Amino acid sequence: MSTSIIAAIPVSDKRIVIWFDNGVSKRYLPQDLGISNDKPLPEINLSDDGSHIELGQGNAISADELLSKGEDANYVEEEKRRLLKSLSEIRRGASFSQTRLGDAAGIRQSVISRIEGCEISPQINTLLKLLAPLGKTLAIVDLEDNE
């Protein structure tokens, strides 16, 4: 059984991320997909069976071919690091020490240090407790190219 495409999401006018049913996600530049780099990505359509994507009119690329191209996206890990870096920047911007934030959120300073250092992955309720004293919350937003 061959690999199927689960989702194909443009994250900017020059990049696309594709998730496969084997747990792999890959990032592609236009040239990886046979598209001129000076043009925006064409419309991307996923076949009903996940066997290929179609770019524009009639340019189909199979899941197996896509797996052999692009670079590993590691999207979840990258987004986690970006989020936790933002937490640290927001804390500093609000002139909060880790200890002060910990006191306000009811979380030990050592745990905040490990979270900001990406040593541990906090639960959502922990992130919400840390963000509230800073006047922030979490939101679900469209993927964007953060590079």
N, C-alpha and C. Protein backbone atom coordinates (compact mmCIF):
# COMPACT_ATOMS: atom_id res chain seq x y z
N MET A 1 0.85 -1.18 0.00
CA MET A 1 0.00 0.00 0.00
C MET A 1 0.89 1.23 0.00
N SER A 2 0.60 2.18 -0.88
CA SER A 2 1.43 3.37 -0.97
C SER A 2 0.93 4.45 -0.02
N THR A 3 1.76 5.42 0.17
CA THR A 3 1.46 6.53 1.07
C THR A 3 0.42 7.44 0.43
N SER A 4 -0.45 8.01 1.28
CA SER A 4 -1.46 8.96 0.82
C SER A 4 -1.20 10.33 1.42
N ILE A 5 -1.70 11.34 0.73
CA ILE A 5 -1.62 12.71 1.20
C ILE A 5 -2.86 12.99 2.05
N ILE A 6 -2.63 13.53 3.23
CA ILE A 6 -3.73 13.89 4.13
C ILE A 6 -4.16 15.33 3.91
N ALA A 7 -3.19 16.24 3.78
CA ALA A 7 -3.48 17.66 3.60
C ALA A 7 -2.34 18.34 2.87
N ALA A 8 -2.68 19.35 2.10
CA ALA A 8 -1.70 20.16 1.38
C ALA A 8 -2.09 21.62 1.62
N ILE A 9 -1.26 22.33 2.38
CA ILE A 9 -1.60 23.69 2.83
C ILE A 9 -0.55 24.69 2.36
N PRO A 10 -0.95 25.69 1.56
CA PRO A 10 0.00 26.76 1.26
C PRO A 10 0.22 27.60 2.51
N VAL A 11 1.46 27.82 2.89
CA VAL A 11 1.75 28.62 4.08
C VAL A 11 2.27 30.00 3.71
N SER A 12 2.43 30.24 2.43
CA SER A 12 2.75 31.56 1.90
C SER A 12 2.56 31.45 0.39
N ASP A 13 2.84 32.55 -0.34
CA ASP A 13 2.70 32.47 -1.79
C ASP A 13 3.87 31.70 -2.42
N LYS A 14 4.83 31.28 -1.61
CA LYS A 14 6.00 30.58 -2.14
C LYS A 14 6.28 29.24 -1.46
N ARG A 15 5.45 28.82 -0.52
CA ARG A 15 5.71 27.55 0.18
C ARG A 15 4.42 26.79 0.42
N ILE A 16 4.58 25.48 0.47
CA ILE A 16 3.46 24.60 0.77
C ILE A 16 3.96 23.53 1.74
N VAL A 17 3.11 23.13 2.67
CA VAL A 17 3.42 22.02 3.57
C VAL A 17 2.41 20.92 3.28
N ILE A 18 2.92 19.70 3.15
CA ILE A 18 2.07 18.54 2.88
C ILE A 18 2.25 17.52 3.99
N TRP A 19 1.11 17.03 4.50
CA TRP A 19 1.10 15.98 5.52
C TRP A 19 0.69 14.68 4.87
N PHE A 20 1.41 13.60 5.21
CA PHE A 20 1.16 12.28 4.66
C PHE A 20 0.63 11.36 5.75
N ASP A 21 -0.02 10.26 5.32
CA ASP A 21 -0.64 9.35 6.28
C ASP A 21 0.38 8.50 7.04
N ASN A 22 1.64 8.59 6.71
CA ASN A 22 2.69 7.88 7.45
C ASN A 22 3.31 8.75 8.55
N GLY A 23 2.72 9.93 8.80
CA GLY A 23 3.20 10.82 9.85
C GLY A 23 4.24 11.83 9.40
N VAL A 24 4.68 11.75 8.17
CA VAL A 24 5.69 12.67 7.64
C VAL A 24 5.01 13.95 7.18
N SER A 25 5.67 15.08 7.43
CA SER A 25 5.24 16.35 6.83
C SER A 25 6.46 16.95 6.14
N LYS A 26 6.22 17.52 4.97
CA LYS A 26 7.32 18.10 4.19
C LYS A 26 6.95 19.48 3.71
N ARG A 27 7.99 20.32 3.56
CA ARG A 27 7.85 21.70 3.09
C ARG A 27 8.44 21.76 1.67
N TYR A 28 7.75 22.48 0.79
CA TYR A 28 8.16 22.56 -0.60
C TYR A 28 8.26 24.00 -1.06
N LEU A 29 9.29 24.28 -1.85
CA LEU A 29 9.44 25.54 -2.57
C LEU A 29 8.86 25.34 -3.97
N PRO A 30 8.55 26.41 -4.69
CA PRO A 30 8.00 26.25 -6.04
C PRO A 30 8.85 25.35 -6.94
N GLN A 31 10.15 25.53 -6.91
CA GLN A 31 11.01 24.73 -7.79
C GLN A 31 10.96 23.23 -7.46
N ASP A 32 10.66 22.88 -6.19
CA ASP A 32 10.50 21.48 -5.81
C ASP A 32 9.32 20.84 -6.54
N LEU A 33 8.36 21.70 -6.93
CA LEU A 33 7.12 21.22 -7.55
C LEU A 33 7.08 21.51 -9.05
N GLY A 34 8.22 21.93 -9.61
CA GLY A 34 8.29 22.20 -11.03
C GLY A 34 7.61 23.51 -11.43
N ILE A 35 7.53 24.46 -10.50
CA ILE A 35 6.89 25.75 -10.75
C ILE A 35 7.96 26.83 -10.76
N SER A 36 7.82 27.78 -11.66
CA SER A 36 8.76 28.89 -11.73
C SER A 36 8.73 29.65 -10.41
N ASN A 37 9.91 29.99 -9.91
CA ASN A 37 10.03 30.67 -8.62
C ASN A 37 9.52 32.11 -8.65
N ASP A 38 9.35 32.68 -9.85
CA ASP A 38 8.91 34.07 -9.94
C ASP A 38 7.38 34.20 -10.01
N LYS A 39 6.67 33.08 -9.87
CA LYS A 39 5.21 33.10 -9.88
C LYS A 39 4.68 32.56 -8.56
N PRO A 40 3.52 33.05 -8.11
CA PRO A 40 2.91 32.48 -6.90
C PRO A 40 2.46 31.04 -7.16
N LEU A 41 2.29 30.29 -6.11
CA LEU A 41 1.81 28.92 -6.25
C LEU A 41 0.43 28.93 -6.89
N PRO A 42 0.18 28.01 -7.83
CA PRO A 42 -1.17 27.91 -8.38
C PRO A 42 -2.11 27.26 -7.37
N GLU A 43 -3.39 27.19 -7.71
CA GLU A 43 -4.37 26.52 -6.86
C GLU A 43 -3.94 25.07 -6.64
N ILE A 44 -4.07 24.60 -5.41
CA ILE A 44 -3.67 23.24 -5.05
C ILE A 44 -4.92 22.44 -4.75
N ASN A 45 -5.09 21.33 -5.46
CA ASN A 45 -6.23 20.45 -5.23
C ASN A 45 -5.73 19.07 -4.86
N LEU A 46 -6.29 18.50 -3.82
CA LEU A 46 -5.95 17.16 -3.36
C LEU A 46 -6.94 16.18 -3.98
N SER A 47 -6.42 15.10 -4.55
CA SER A 47 -7.31 14.09 -5.12
C SER A 47 -8.15 13.46 -4.02
N ASP A 48 -9.32 12.95 -4.38
CA ASP A 48 -10.24 12.34 -3.40
C ASP A 48 -9.60 11.18 -2.66
N ASP A 49 -8.74 10.43 -3.34
CA ASP A 49 -8.12 9.26 -2.69
C ASP A 49 -6.77 9.57 -2.05
N GLY A 50 -6.32 10.84 -2.13
CA GLY A 50 -5.05 11.24 -1.52
C GLY A 50 -3.82 10.74 -2.26
N SER A 51 -4.01 10.25 -3.48
CA SER A 51 -2.87 9.69 -4.22
C SER A 51 -1.99 10.75 -4.87
N HIS A 52 -2.54 11.97 -5.06
CA HIS A 52 -1.76 13.03 -5.71
C HIS A 52 -2.38 14.39 -5.44
N ILE A 53 -1.61 15.43 -5.76
CA ILE A 53 -2.13 16.79 -5.76
C ILE A 53 -2.11 17.27 -7.20
N GLU A 54 -2.99 18.21 -7.50
CA GLU A 54 -2.98 18.87 -8.80
C GLU A 54 -2.67 20.34 -8.57
N LEU A 55 -1.71 20.83 -9.32
CA LEU A 55 -1.31 22.24 -9.24
C LEU A 55 -1.79 22.93 -10.50
N GLY A 56 -2.75 23.80 -10.36
CA GLY A 56 -3.28 24.49 -11.54
C GLY A 56 -4.03 23.52 -12.42
N GLN A 57 -3.83 23.65 -13.70
CA GLN A 57 -4.57 22.84 -14.66
C GLN A 57 -3.73 21.65 -15.14
N GLY A 58 -4.06 20.48 -14.61
CA GLY A 58 -3.49 19.25 -15.13
C GLY A 58 -2.10 18.87 -14.67
N ASN A 59 -1.44 19.65 -13.85
CA ASN A 59 -0.09 19.31 -13.38
C ASN A 59 -0.24 18.49 -12.10
N ALA A 60 -0.25 17.15 -12.22
CA ALA A 60 -0.43 16.26 -11.07
C ALA A 60 0.91 15.72 -10.59
N ILE A 61 1.05 15.65 -9.26
CA ILE A 61 2.26 15.08 -8.65
C ILE A 61 1.81 14.03 -7.64
N SER A 62 2.33 12.83 -7.76
CA SER A 62 1.91 11.73 -6.90
C SER A 62 2.48 11.87 -5.50
N ALA A 63 1.81 11.21 -4.55
CA ALA A 63 2.27 11.22 -3.16
C ALA A 63 3.67 10.64 -3.06
N ASP A 64 3.93 9.54 -3.76
CA ASP A 64 5.26 8.92 -3.70
C ASP A 64 6.34 9.85 -4.24
N GLU A 65 6.03 10.57 -5.33
CA GLU A 65 6.99 11.53 -5.88
C GLU A 65 7.23 12.68 -4.90
N LEU A 66 6.15 13.16 -4.26
CA LEU A 66 6.28 14.25 -3.30
C LEU A 66 7.13 13.83 -2.10
N LEU A 67 7.00 12.58 -1.67
CA LEU A 67 7.81 12.11 -0.54
C LEU A 67 9.30 12.15 -0.85
N SER A 68 9.66 12.03 -2.12
CA SER A 68 11.07 12.03 -2.50
C SER A 68 11.62 13.44 -2.68
N LYS A 69 10.76 14.45 -2.58
CA LYS A 69 11.17 15.84 -2.77
C LYS A 69 10.97 16.63 -1.47
N GLY A 70 11.33 17.89 -1.51
CA GLY A 70 11.08 18.78 -0.38
C GLY A 70 11.98 18.49 0.80
N GLU A 71 11.73 19.20 1.88
CA GLU A 71 12.50 19.01 3.11
C GLU A 71 11.55 18.69 4.25
N ASP A 72 12.04 17.92 5.22
CA ASP A 72 11.20 17.58 6.36
C ASP A 72 10.76 18.86 7.04
N ALA A 73 9.47 18.93 7.33
CA ALA A 73 8.92 20.16 7.90
C ALA A 73 9.05 20.20 9.42
N ASN A 74 8.91 19.05 10.09
CA ASN A 74 8.92 19.05 11.56
C ASN A 74 8.07 20.19 12.08
N TYR A 75 6.90 20.36 11.50
CA TYR A 75 6.08 21.53 11.75
C TYR A 75 5.64 21.68 13.20
N VAL A 76 5.28 20.59 13.81
CA VAL A 76 4.82 20.66 15.19
C VAL A 76 5.94 21.15 16.11
N GLU A 77 7.12 20.59 15.96
CA GLU A 77 8.25 21.00 16.80
C GLU A 77 8.62 22.45 16.55
N GLU A 78 8.62 22.87 15.29
CA GLU A 78 8.94 24.27 14.96
C GLU A 78 7.92 25.23 15.56
N GLU A 79 6.65 24.89 15.46
CA GLU A 79 5.60 25.75 16.01
C GLU A 79 5.68 25.80 17.54
N LYS A 80 5.99 24.66 18.16
CA LYS A 80 6.13 24.63 19.62
C LYS A 80 7.26 25.56 20.05
N ARG A 81 8.40 25.48 19.38
CA ARG A 81 9.54 26.35 19.73
C ARG A 81 9.19 27.82 19.51
N ARG A 82 8.50 28.13 18.42
CA ARG A 82 8.10 29.51 18.14
C ARG A 82 7.16 30.02 19.22
N LEU A 83 6.20 29.20 19.62
CA LEU A 83 5.24 29.59 20.64
C LEU A 83 5.93 29.85 21.98
N LEU A 84 6.81 28.94 22.38
CA LEU A 84 7.47 29.09 23.68
C LEU A 84 8.47 30.25 23.67
N LYS A 85 9.08 30.52 22.51
CA LYS A 85 9.94 31.69 22.39
C LYS A 85 9.11 32.96 22.55
N SER A 86 7.90 32.95 21.96
CA SER A 86 7.00 34.10 22.09
C SER A 86 6.61 34.33 23.54
N LEU A 87 6.35 33.25 24.27
CA LEU A 87 6.01 33.37 25.70
C LEU A 87 7.13 34.08 26.45
N SER A 88 8.36 33.68 26.21
CA SER A 88 9.50 34.30 26.87
C SER A 88 9.62 35.78 26.49
N GLU A 89 9.43 36.10 25.21
CA GLU A 89 9.53 37.50 24.76
C GLU A 89 8.42 38.36 25.37
N ILE A 90 7.22 37.81 25.43
CA ILE A 90 6.09 38.55 26.03
C ILE A 90 6.35 38.80 27.51
N ARG A 91 6.84 37.78 28.20
CA ARG A 91 7.15 37.91 29.63
C ARG A 91 8.17 39.02 29.85
N ARG A 92 9.25 38.98 29.08
CA ARG A 92 10.29 40.01 29.22
C ARG A 92 9.76 41.39 28.87
N GLY A 93 8.96 41.46 27.79
CA GLY A 93 8.39 42.74 27.37
C GLY A 93 7.48 43.35 28.41
N ALA A 94 6.86 42.50 29.23
CA ALA A 94 5.99 42.98 30.31
C ALA A 94 6.77 43.21 31.60
N SER A 95 8.09 43.09 31.54
CA SER A 95 8.98 43.27 32.68
C SER A 95 8.66 42.31 33.83
N PHE A 96 8.30 41.09 33.48
CA PHE A 96 8.07 40.04 34.47
C PHE A 96 9.29 39.15 34.52
N SER A 97 9.76 38.85 35.72
CA SER A 97 10.77 37.80 35.88
C SER A 97 10.02 36.47 35.85
N GLN A 98 10.75 35.38 35.68
CA GLN A 98 10.11 34.07 35.74
C GLN A 98 9.48 33.85 37.12
N THR A 99 10.14 34.32 38.16
CA THR A 99 9.61 34.17 39.53
C THR A 99 8.31 34.94 39.69
N ARG A 100 8.28 36.19 39.22
CA ARG A 100 7.06 36.99 39.34
C ARG A 100 5.90 36.35 38.56
N LEU A 101 6.19 35.88 37.34
CA LEU A 101 5.15 35.23 36.55
C LEU A 101 4.69 33.94 37.25
N GLY A 102 5.64 33.20 37.79
CA GLY A 102 5.29 31.98 38.50
C GLY A 102 4.39 32.25 39.69
N ASP A 103 4.69 33.30 40.44
CA ASP A 103 3.84 33.68 41.58
C ASP A 103 2.43 34.02 41.12
N ALA A 104 2.32 34.77 40.03
CA ALA A 104 1.01 35.19 39.53
C ALA A 104 0.22 34.01 38.95
N ALA A 105 0.93 33.04 38.36
CA ALA A 105 0.25 31.92 37.69
C ALA A 105 0.14 30.68 38.57
N GLY A 106 0.83 30.68 39.72
CA GLY A 106 0.82 29.49 40.57
C GLY A 106 1.65 28.35 40.01
N ILE A 107 2.75 28.70 39.33
CA ILE A 107 3.64 27.71 38.71
C ILE A 107 5.07 28.02 39.15
N ARG A 108 5.82 26.99 39.52
CA ARG A 108 7.19 27.19 39.99
C ARG A 108 8.08 27.81 38.90
N GLN A 109 9.00 28.66 39.33
CA GLN A 109 9.94 29.31 38.41
C GLN A 109 10.73 28.28 37.64
N SER A 110 11.13 27.19 38.27
CA SER A 110 11.93 26.17 37.58
C SER A 110 11.16 25.53 36.43
N VAL A 111 9.84 25.39 36.59
CA VAL A 111 9.01 24.85 35.52
C VAL A 111 8.93 25.84 34.36
N ILE A 112 8.78 27.12 34.68
CA ILE A 112 8.74 28.16 33.64
C ILE A 112 10.06 28.15 32.86
N SER A 113 11.16 28.03 33.55
CA SER A 113 12.47 27.98 32.90
C SER A 113 12.55 26.80 31.94
N ARG A 114 12.08 25.65 32.35
CA ARG A 114 12.11 24.45 31.49
C ARG A 114 11.16 24.60 30.30
N ILE A 115 10.02 25.26 30.50
CA ILE A 115 9.10 25.50 29.40
C ILE A 115 9.74 26.44 28.38
N GLU A 116 10.25 27.58 28.86
CA GLU A 116 10.86 28.55 27.95
C GLU A 116 12.09 28.00 27.25
N GLY A 117 12.76 27.05 27.87
CA GLY A 117 13.92 26.40 27.26
C GLY A 117 13.56 25.23 26.36
N CYS A 118 12.27 25.01 26.15
CA CYS A 118 11.75 23.92 25.32
C CYS A 118 12.20 22.54 25.81
N GLU A 119 12.47 22.44 27.11
CA GLU A 119 12.85 21.15 27.69
C GLU A 119 11.63 20.29 27.96
N ILE A 120 10.48 20.95 28.21
CA ILE A 120 9.24 20.23 28.44
C ILE A 120 8.13 20.89 27.62
N SER A 121 7.12 20.11 27.30
CA SER A 121 5.96 20.64 26.58
C SER A 121 4.83 20.86 27.57
N PRO A 122 4.44 22.11 27.77
CA PRO A 122 3.39 22.39 28.75
C PRO A 122 2.02 21.96 28.26
N GLN A 123 1.14 21.63 29.19
CA GLN A 123 -0.25 21.38 28.85
C GLN A 123 -0.91 22.72 28.54
N ILE A 124 -2.02 22.65 27.85
CA ILE A 124 -2.72 23.88 27.46
C ILE A 124 -3.12 24.70 28.69
N ASN A 125 -3.61 24.04 29.74
CA ASN A 125 -4.03 24.82 30.91
C ASN A 125 -2.83 25.53 31.55
N THR A 126 -1.65 24.95 31.49
CA THR A 126 -0.45 25.61 32.01
C THR A 126 -0.11 26.84 31.18
N LEU A 127 -0.18 26.72 29.86
CA LEU A 127 0.07 27.89 29.00
C LEU A 127 -0.93 29.00 29.28
N LEU A 128 -2.19 28.63 29.43
CA LEU A 128 -3.21 29.64 29.73
C LEU A 128 -2.95 30.33 31.06
N LYS A 129 -2.51 29.56 32.07
CA LYS A 129 -2.18 30.15 33.38
C LYS A 129 -1.01 31.12 33.26
N LEU A 130 -0.04 30.80 32.41
CA LEU A 130 1.12 31.68 32.23
C LEU A 130 0.77 32.92 31.41
N LEU A 131 -0.09 32.79 30.45
CA LEU A 131 -0.43 33.91 29.58
C LEU A 131 -1.38 34.92 30.22
N ALA A 132 -2.30 34.44 31.05
CA ALA A 132 -3.32 35.33 31.63
C ALA A 132 -2.72 36.53 32.38
N PRO A 133 -1.73 36.34 33.28
CA PRO A 133 -1.17 37.51 33.97
C PRO A 133 -0.46 38.49 33.03
N LEU A 134 -0.14 38.02 31.83
CA LEU A 134 0.52 38.87 30.84
C LEU A 134 -0.50 39.53 29.91
N GLY A 135 -1.80 39.26 30.17
CA GLY A 135 -2.86 39.83 29.35
C GLY A 135 -2.99 39.17 27.99
N LYS A 136 -2.61 37.91 27.89
CA LYS A 136 -2.63 37.18 26.61
C LYS A 136 -3.42 35.89 26.75
N THR A 137 -3.76 35.29 25.60
CA THR A 137 -4.39 33.98 25.56
C THR A 137 -3.94 33.26 24.30
N LEU A 138 -4.36 32.03 24.13
CA LEU A 138 -4.06 31.28 22.92
C LEU A 138 -5.18 31.48 21.91
N ALA A 139 -4.86 31.34 20.62
CA ALA A 139 -5.86 31.43 19.56
C ALA A 139 -5.49 30.46 18.45
N ILE A 140 -6.47 29.98 17.75
CA ILE A 140 -6.24 29.15 16.57
C ILE A 140 -6.30 30.06 15.35
N VAL A 141 -5.20 30.04 14.58
CA VAL A 141 -5.09 30.93 13.43
C VAL A 141 -4.63 30.13 12.22
N ASP A 142 -4.77 30.71 11.05
CA ASP A 142 -4.28 30.07 9.84
C ASP A 142 -2.77 29.93 9.90
N LEU A 143 -2.27 28.86 9.28
CA LEU A 143 -0.83 28.68 9.19
C LEU A 143 -0.23 29.79 8.36
N GLU A 144 0.91 30.25 8.77
CA GLU A 144 1.63 31.27 8.04
C GLU A 144 3.08 30.83 7.94
N ASP A 145 3.76 31.32 6.95
CA ASP A 145 5.18 31.04 6.82
C ASP A 145 5.92 31.97 7.78
N ASN A 146 6.58 31.40 8.78
CA ASN A 146 7.24 32.21 9.81
C ASN A 146 8.73 32.33 9.58
N GLU A 147 9.19 32.02 8.38
CA GLU A 147 10.63 32.09 8.12
C GLU A 147 11.02 33.44 7.61
